[in-house]
PDB file of N, CA and C in Angstrom:
ATOM      1  N   THR A   1     -88.694   2.140  33.634  1.00  0.00           N
ATOM      2  CA  THR A   1     -88.602   0.615  34.111  1.00  0.00           C
ATOM      3  C   THR A   1     -86.935   0.288  34.044  1.00  0.00           C
ATOM      4  N   SER A   2     -86.876  -0.665  34.897  1.00  0.00           N
ATOM      5  CA  SER A   2     -85.493  -0.680  34.987  1.00  0.00           C
ATOM      6  C   SER A   2     -85.377  -2.303  34.354  1.00  0.00           C
ATOM      7  N   PRO A   3     -84.156  -2.724  33.842  1.00  0.00           N
ATOM      8  CA  PRO A   3     -84.094  -3.913  33.018  1.00  0.00           C
ATOM      9  C   PRO A   3     -84.241  -4.872  33.986  1.00  0.00           C
ATOM     10  N   ARG A   4     -85.075  -6.349  33.517  1.00  0.00           N
ATOM     11  CA  ARG A   4     -85.101  -7.568  34.259  1.00  0.00           C
ATOM     12  C   ARG A   4     -83.562  -7.843  34.603  1.00  0.00           C
ATOM     13  N   PRO A   5     -83.522  -8.395  35.746  1.00  0.00           N
ATOM     14  CA  PRO A   5     -81.966  -9.219  35.879  1.00  0.00           C
ATOM     15  C   PRO A   5     -81.893 -10.354  35.404  1.00  0.00           C
ATOM     16  N   ALA A   6     -80.806 -10.930  34.734  1.00  0.00           N
ATOM     17  CA  ALA A   6     -80.563 -12.091  34.210  1.00  0.00           C
ATOM     18  C   ALA A   6     -80.747 -13.349  35.013  1.00  0.00           C
ATOM     19  N   VAL A   7     -80.449 -12.929  36.220  1.00  0.00           N
ATOM     20  CA  VAL A   7     -80.549 -13.948  37.350  1.00  0.00           C
ATOM     21  C   VAL A   7     -80.387 -13.521  38.814  1.00  0.00           C
ATOM     22  N   ALA A   8     -81.332 -14.069  39.594  1.00  0.00           N
ATOM     23  CA  ALA A   8     -81.205 -13.355  41.284  1.00  0.00           C
ATOM     24  C   ALA A   8     -80.466 -14.577  42.300  1.00  0.00           C
ATOM     25  N   PHE A   9     -79.695 -14.572  42.866  1.00  0.00           N
ATOM     26  CA  PHE A   9     -79.560 -15.369  43.864  1.00  0.00           C
ATOM     27  C   PHE A   9     -80.056 -14.799  45.310  1.00  0.00           C
ATOM     28  N   TYR A  10     -80.619 -15.868  45.959  1.00  0.00           N
ATOM     29  CA  TYR A  10     -81.620 -15.939  46.944  1.00  0.00           C
ATOM     30  C   TYR A  10     -80.418 -16.528  48.084  1.00  0.00           C
ATOM     31  N   ASN A  11     -80.027 -15.755  49.197  1.00  0.00           N
ATOM     32  CA  ASN A  11     -79.525 -16.388  50.069  1.00  0.00           C
ATOM     33  C   ASN A  11     -80.387 -16.450  51.267  1.00  0.00           C
ATOM     34  N   ALA A  12     -80.884 -17.605  51.442  1.00  0.00           N
ATOM     35  CA  ALA A  12     -82.067 -18.162  52.577  1.00  0.00           C
ATOM     36  C   ALA A  12     -81.190 -18.365  54.106  1.00  0.00           C
ATOM     37  N   GLY A  13     -80.656 -17.455  54.424  1.00  0.00           N
ATOM     38  CA  GLY A  13     -80.102 -18.046  55.662  1.00  0.00           C
ATOM     39  C   GLY A  13     -81.112 -18.382  56.547  1.00  0.00           C
ATOM     40  N   THR A  14     -80.673 -19.531  57.541  1.00  0.00           N
ATOM     41  CA  THR A  14     -81.785 -20.018  58.654  1.00  0.00           C
ATOM     42  C   THR A  14     -81.137 -19.417  60.158  1.00  0.00           C
ATOM     43  N   ASP A  15     -79.663 -18.554  60.241  1.00  0.00           N
ATOM     44  CA  ASP A  15     -79.059 -18.103  61.415  1.00  0.00           C
ATOM     45  C   ASP A  15     -80.412 -17.351  62.008  1.00  0.00           C
ATOM     46  N   VAL A  16     -81.544 -16.723  61.312  1.00  0.00           N
ATOM     47  CA  VAL A  16     -82.316 -16.097  62.038  1.00  0.00           C
ATOM     48  C   VAL A  16     -83.114 -16.253  62.868  1.00  0.00           C
ATOM     49  N   VAL A  17     -83.271 -17.786  62.939  1.00  0.00           N
ATOM     50  CA  VAL A  17     -84.453 -18.477  63.569  1.00  0.00           C
ATOM     51  C   VAL A  17     -84.018 -18.802  65.002  1.00  0.00           C
ATOM     52  N   ARG A  18     -85.129 -18.395  65.713  1.00  0.00           N
ATOM     53  CA  ARG A  18     -85.377 -18.463  67.254  1.00  0.00           C
ATOM     54  C   ARG A  18     -84.069 -19.605  67.723  1.00  0.00           C
ATOM     55  N   GLY A  19     -83.421 -18.979  68.720  1.00  0.00           N
ATOM     56  CA  GLY A  19     -82.566 -20.405  69.511  1.00  0.00           C
ATOM     57  C   GLY A  19     -80.939 -20.314  68.962  1.00  0.00           C
ATOM     58  N   ASP A  20     -81.080 -19.688  67.710  1.00  0.00           N
ATOM     59  CA  ASP A  20     -79.746 -19.709  66.915  1.00  0.00           C
ATOM     60  C   ASP A  20     -78.957 -19.393  67.650  1.00  0.00           C
ATOM     61  N   PRO A  21     -77.499 -19.759  67.908  1.00  0.00           N
ATOM     62  CA  PRO A  21     -76.507 -19.388  68.702  1.00  0.00           C
ATOM     63  C   PRO A  21     -75.887 -17.945  68.219  1.00  0.00           C
ATOM     64  N   LEU A  22     -75.654 -18.092  67.027  1.00  0.00           N
ATOM     65  CA  LEU A  22     -75.047 -16.962  66.559  1.00  0.00           C
ATOM     66  C   LEU A  22     -75.957 -15.707  65.769  1.00  0.00           C
ATOM     67  N   GLY A  23     -76.843 -16.087  65.605  1.00  0.00           N
ATOM     68  CA  GLY A  23     -77.943 -15.030  64.369  1.00  0.00           C
ATOM     69  C   GLY A  23     -78.558 -14.404  65.682  1.00  0.00           C
ATOM     70  N   ARG A  24     -78.984 -14.758  66.894  1.00  0.00           N
ATOM     71  CA  ARG A  24     -79.767 -14.527  67.931  1.00  0.00           C
ATOM     72  C   ARG A  24     -80.923 -13.397  67.467  1.00  0.00           C
ATOM     73  N   LEU A  25     -81.438 -13.762  66.271  1.00  0.00           N
ATOM     74  CA  LEU A  25     -82.557 -12.807  66.077  1.00  0.00           C
ATOM     75  C   LEU A  25     -84.166 -12.890  66.696  1.00  0.00           C
ATOM     76  N   ASP A  26     -84.086 -14.154  67.022  1.00  0.00           N
ATOM     77  CA  ASP A  26     -85.582 -15.114  67.602  1.00  0.00           C
ATOM     78  C   ASP A  26     -86.482 -14.831  66.570  1.00  0.00           C
ATOM     79  N   VAL A  27     -86.372 -15.108  65.204  1.00  0.00           N
ATOM     80  CA  VAL A  27     -87.433 -15.246  64.209  1.00  0.00           C
ATOM     81  C   VAL A  27     -88.134 -16.600  64.436  1.00  0.00           C
ATOM     82  N   GLU A  28     -89.251 -16.423  64.544  1.00  0.00           N
ATOM     83  CA  GLU A  28     -90.302 -17.903  64.482  1.00  0.00           C
ATOM     84  C   GLU A  28     -89.785 -18.804  63.214  1.00  0.00           C
ATOM     85  N   SER A  29     -89.920 -19.741  63.303  1.00  0.00           N
ATOM     86  CA  SER A  29     -89.678 -20.898  62.233  1.00  0.00           C
ATOM     87  C   SER A  29     -90.496 -20.708  61.238  1.00  0.00           C
ATOM     88  N   ASP A  30     -91.892 -20.382  61.466  1.00  0.00           N
ATOM     89  CA  ASP A  30     -92.978 -20.336  60.394  1.00  0.00           C
ATOM     90  C   ASP A  30     -92.663 -19.268  59.450  1.00  0.00           C
ATOM     91  N   ALA A  31     -92.289 -17.961  60.197  1.00  0.00           N
ATOM     92  CA  ALA A  31     -92.047 -16.322  59.627  1.00  0.00           C
ATOM     93  C   ALA A  31     -90.455 -16.960  58.417  1.00  0.00           C
ATOM     94  N   VAL A  32     -89.634 -17.716  58.897  1.00  0.00           N
ATOM     95  CA  VAL A  32     -88.274 -17.886  58.054  1.00  0.00           C
ATOM     96  C   VAL A  32     -89.199 -18.551  56.924  1.00  0.00           C
ATOM     97  N   THR A  33     -89.708 -19.620  57.215  1.00  0.00           N
ATOM     98  CA  THR A  33     -90.517 -20.271  55.825  1.00  0.00           C
ATOM     99  C   THR A  33     -91.461 -19.528  54.954  1.00  0.00           C
ATOM    100  N   GLU A  34     -92.037 -18.348  55.565  1.00  0.00           N
ATOM    101  CA  GLU A  34     -92.782 -17.467  55.040  1.00  0.00           C
ATOM    102  C   GLU A  34     -92.132 -16.634  54.294  1.00  0.00           C
ATOM    103  N   ARG A  35     -90.998 -16.053  54.653  1.00  0.00           N
ATOM    104  CA  ARG A  35     -89.811 -15.115  54.066  1.00  0.00           C
ATOM    105  C   ARG A  35     -89.443 -15.888  52.642  1.00  0.00           C
ATOM    106  N   ASP A  36     -88.996 -16.953  53.090  1.00  0.00           N
ATOM    107  CA  ASP A  36     -88.509 -18.011  51.563  1.00  0.00           C
ATOM    108  C   ASP A  36     -89.368 -18.026  50.451  1.00  0.00           C
ATOM    109  N   ARG A  37     -90.826 -18.296  50.893  1.00  0.00           N
ATOM    110  CA  ARG A  37     -91.907 -18.431  50.041  1.00  0.00           C
ATOM    111  C   ARG A  37     -92.382 -17.292  49.370  1.00  0.00           C
ATOM    112  N   ARG A  38     -92.279 -16.059  50.105  1.00  0.00           N
ATOM    113  CA  ARG A  38     -92.573 -14.914  49.773  1.00  0.00           C
ATOM    114  C   ARG A  38     -91.679 -14.304  48.484  1.00  0.00           C
ATOM    115  N   VAL A  39     -90.178 -14.638  48.905  1.00  0.00           N
ATOM    116  CA  VAL A  39     -88.956 -14.290  47.938  1.00  0.00           C
ATOM    117  C   VAL A  39     -89.400 -14.745  46.609  1.00  0.00           C
ATOM    118  N   ILE A  40     -89.390 -16.234  46.927  1.00  0.00           N
ATOM    119  CA  ILE A  40     -88.923 -16.764  45.646  1.00  0.00           C
ATOM    120  C   ILE A  40     -90.445 -16.797  44.820  1.00  0.00           C
ATOM    121  N   SER A  41     -91.454 -16.525  45.522  1.00  0.00           N
ATOM    122  CA  SER A  41     -92.544 -16.807  44.472  1.00  0.00           C
ATOM    123  C   SER A  41     -92.596 -14.957  43.936  1.00  0.00           C
ATOM    124  N   GLU A  42     -92.259 -14.273  44.433  1.00  0.00           N
ATOM    125  CA  GLU A  42     -91.980 -12.870  43.841  1.00  0.00           C
ATOM    126  C   GLU A  42     -91.205 -13.072  42.637  1.00  0.00           C
ATOM    127  N   LEU A  43     -90.008 -13.523  43.039  1.00  0.00           N
ATOM    128  CA  LEU A  43     -88.928 -13.834  41.737  1.00  0.00           C
ATOM    129  C   LEU A  43     -89.616 -14.385  40.632  1.00  0.00           C
ATOM    130  N   ARG A  44     -90.340 -15.519  40.973  1.00  0.00           N
ATOM    131  CA  ARG A  44     -91.064 -16.221  39.793  1.00  0.00           C
ATOM    132  C   ARG A  44     -92.103 -15.571  39.238  1.00  0.00           C
ATOM    133  N   SER A  45     -92.787 -14.639  40.176  1.00  0.00           N
ATOM    134  CA  SER A  45     -93.986 -13.896  39.196  1.00  0.00           C
ATOM    135  C   SER A  45     -93.393 -13.101  38.567  1.00  0.00           C
ATOM    136  N   ARG A  46     -92.302 -12.278  38.410  1.00  0.00           N
ATOM    137  CA  ARG A  46     -91.480 -11.416  37.660  1.00  0.00           C
ATOM    138  C   ARG A  46     -90.688 -12.238  36.578  1.00  0.00           C
ATOM    139  N   GLY A  47     -90.515 -13.532  36.747  1.00  0.00           N
ATOM    140  CA  GLY A  47     -90.004 -14.219  35.535  1.00  0.00           C
ATOM    141  C   GLY A  47     -88.288 -13.883  35.624  1.00  0.00           C
ATOM    142  N   ILE A  48     -88.019 -14.136  36.826  1.00  0.00           N
ATOM    143  CA  ILE A  48     -86.504 -14.095  37.058  1.00  0.00           C
ATOM    144  C   ILE A  48     -85.910 -15.466  37.496  1.00  0.00           C
ATOM    145  N   PRO A  49     -85.172 -15.931  36.755  1.00  0.00           N
ATOM    146  CA  PRO A  49     -84.697 -17.167  36.791  1.00  0.00           C
ATOM    147  C   PRO A  49     -83.750 -16.933  38.438  1.00  0.00           C
ATOM    148  N   THR A  50     -84.022 -18.196  39.473  1.00  0.00           N
ATOM    149  CA  THR A  50     -83.426 -17.625  40.752  1.00  0.00           C
ATOM    150  C   THR A  50     -82.769 -18.746  41.397  1.00  0.00           C
ATOM    151  N   VAL A  51     -81.458 -18.675  41.625  1.00  0.00           N
ATOM    152  CA  VAL A  51     -80.804 -19.520  42.527  1.00  0.00           C
ATOM    153  C   VAL A  51     -80.811 -19.424  44.040  1.00  0.00           C
ATOM    154  N   VAL A  52     -81.284 -20.532  44.847  1.00  0.00           N
ATOM    155  CA  VAL A  52     -81.733 -20.426  46.152  1.00  0.00           C
ATOM    156  C   VAL A  52     -80.278 -20.967  47.007  1.00  0.00           C
ATOM    157  N   VAL A  53     -79.727 -20.693  47.769  1.00  0.00           N
ATOM    158  CA  VAL A  53     -78.546 -21.101  48.366  1.00  0.00           C
ATOM    159  C   VAL A  53     -78.790 -20.768  49.875  1.00  0.00           C
ATOM    160  N   THR A  54     -78.350 -21.562  50.646  1.00  0.00           N
ATOM    161  CA  THR A  54     -78.526 -21.531  52.169  1.00  0.00           C
ATOM    162  C   THR A  54     -77.531 -21.029  52.853  1.00  0.00           C
ATOM    163  N   SER A  55     -77.575 -20.758  53.883  1.00  0.00           N
ATOM    164  CA  SER A  55     -76.489 -20.242  54.639  1.00  0.00           C
ATOM    165  C   SER A  55     -76.449 -20.165  56.121  1.00  0.00           C
ATOM    166  N   GLY A  56     -75.746 -19.911  56.769  1.00  0.00           N
ATOM    167  CA  GLY A  56     -75.941 -19.931  58.549  1.00  0.00           C
ATOM    168  C   GLY A  56     -76.999 -20.810  58.910  1.00  0.00           C
ATOM    169  N   GLY A  57     -77.260 -20.833  60.004  1.00  0.00           N
ATOM    170  CA  GLY A  57     -78.366 -22.090  60.944  1.00  0.00           C
ATOM    171  C   GLY A  57     -77.529 -22.934  61.230  1.00  0.00           C
ATOM    172  N   TYR A  58     -77.476 -22.691  62.405  1.00  0.00           N
ATOM    173  CA  TYR A  58     -76.597 -23.532  63.696  1.00  0.00           C
ATOM    174  C   TYR A  58     -77.695 -24.277  64.682  1.00  0.00           C
ATOM    175  N   THR A  59     -78.911 -24.497  64.187  1.00  0.00           N
ATOM    176  CA  THR A  59     -79.764 -25.433  65.461  1.00  0.00           C
ATOM    177  C   THR A  59     -80.454 -26.861  64.556  1.00  0.00           C
ATOM    178  N   ASP A  60     -81.029 -27.698  65.384  1.00  0.00           N
ATOM    179  CA  ASP A  60     -81.490 -28.878  64.510  1.00  0.00           C
ATOM    180  C   ASP A  60     -82.566 -28.249  63.777  1.00  0.00           C
ATOM    181  N   GLU A  61     -83.352 -26.878  63.899  1.00  0.00           N
ATOM    182  CA  GLU A  61     -84.045 -26.508  63.255  1.00  0.00           C
ATOM    183  C   GLU A  61     -83.946 -26.117  61.705  1.00  0.00           C
ATOM    184  N   SER A  62     -82.480 -25.813  61.392  1.00  0.00           N
ATOM    185  CA  SER A  62     -82.345 -25.291  60.554  1.00  0.00           C
ATOM    186  C   SER A  62     -82.544 -26.328  59.134  1.00  0.00           C
ATOM    187  N   HIS A  63     -81.873 -27.403  59.294  1.00  0.00           N
ATOM    188  CA  HIS A  63     -82.153 -28.282  58.059  1.00  0.00           C
ATOM    189  C   HIS A  63     -83.649 -28.542  57.813  1.00  0.00           C
ATOM    190  N   ARG A  64     -84.553 -28.497  58.450  1.00  0.00           N
ATOM    191  CA  ARG A  64     -85.997 -28.393  58.692  1.00  0.00           C
ATOM    192  C   ARG A  64     -86.496 -27.229  57.805  1.00  0.00           C
ATOM    193  N   LEU A  65     -86.215 -26.402  57.935  1.00  0.00           N
ATOM    194  CA  LEU A  65     -86.474 -25.009  57.298  1.00  0.00           C
ATOM    195  C   LEU A  65     -85.812 -25.110  55.969  1.00  0.00           C
ATOM    196  N   ILE A  66     -84.875 -25.466  55.701  1.00  0.00           N
ATOM    197  CA  ILE A  66     -84.213 -25.807  54.482  1.00  0.00           C
ATOM    198  C   ILE A  66     -84.860 -26.726  53.710  1.00  0.00           C
ATOM    199  N   ALA A  67     -85.407 -28.118  54.066  1.00  0.00           N
ATOM    200  CA  ALA A  67     -86.481 -28.727  53.499  1.00  0.00           C
ATOM    201  C   ALA A  67     -87.752 -28.344  53.097  1.00  0.00           C
ATOM    202  N   ALA A  68     -88.106 -27.562  53.987  1.00  0.00           N
ATOM    203  CA  ALA A  68     -89.557 -27.134  53.818  1.00  0.00           C
ATOM    204  C   ALA A  68     -89.644 -26.473  52.481  1.00  0.00           C
ATOM    205  N   THR A  69     -88.495 -25.230  52.502  1.00  0.00           N
ATOM    206  CA  THR A  69     -88.310 -24.339  51.278  1.00  0.00           C
ATOM    207  C   THR A  69     -88.192 -25.234  50.216  1.00  0.00           C
ATOM    208  N   ALA A  70     -87.433 -26.245  50.183  1.00  0.00           N
ATOM    209  CA  ALA A  70     -86.991 -27.012  49.129  1.00  0.00           C
ATOM    210  C   ALA A  70     -88.397 -27.582  48.343  1.00  0.00           C
ATOM    211  N   ARG A  71     -88.610 -28.405  49.266  1.00  0.00           N
ATOM    212  CA  ARG A  71     -90.286 -29.076  49.010  1.00  0.00           C
ATOM    213  C   ARG A  71     -91.204 -27.980  48.343  1.00  0.00           C
ATOM    214  N   HIS A  72     -91.339 -27.105  48.846  1.00  0.00           N
ATOM    215  CA  HIS A  72     -92.420 -25.875  48.513  1.00  0.00           C
ATOM    216  C   HIS A  72     -91.881 -25.713  47.270  1.00  0.00           C
ATOM    217  N   VAL A  73     -90.937 -25.382  46.747  1.00  0.00           N
ATOM    218  CA  VAL A  73     -89.935 -25.135  45.482  1.00  0.00           C
ATOM    219  C   VAL A  73     -90.641 -26.273  44.457  1.00  0.00           C
ATOM    220  N   VAL A  74     -90.222 -27.642  44.510  1.00  0.00           N
ATOM    221  CA  VAL A  74     -90.443 -28.755  44.077  1.00  0.00           C
ATOM    222  C   VAL A  74     -92.048 -28.795  43.901  1.00  0.00           C
ATOM    223  N   GLU A  75     -92.888 -28.656  44.645  1.00  0.00           N
ATOM    224  CA  GLU A  75     -94.214 -29.020  44.777  1.00  0.00           C
ATOM    225  C   GLU A  75     -94.805 -27.436  43.793  1.00  0.00           C
ATOM    226  N   ARG A  76     -94.468 -26.431  44.035  1.00  0.00           N
ATOM    227  CA  ARG A  76     -95.297 -25.682  43.610  1.00  0.00           C
ATOM    228  C   ARG A  76     -94.775 -25.001  42.188  1.00  0.00           C
ATOM    229  N   PHE A  77     -93.330 -25.132  41.814  1.00  0.00           N
ATOM    230  CA  PHE A  77     -92.874 -24.687  40.499  1.00  0.00           C
ATOM    231  C   PHE A  77     -92.224 -25.955  39.584  1.00  0.00           C
TER     232      PHE A  77
END
């Protein structure tokens, strides 16, 4: 088994969301939120301290996605 990391940095970029002029990946908003929840939940289940940072995201939807992830972390953990 590999050693557990001391900390994980999760770069939760929102420039992948549909309509973003730079990312252009057309990922649905719900899928971005689900991605964040899965990654954070997995890190928590492994007992790995996590720092979540945001990046990218150039649409009006970006701040809503970031807020939804932050709300989930506060309410769940």
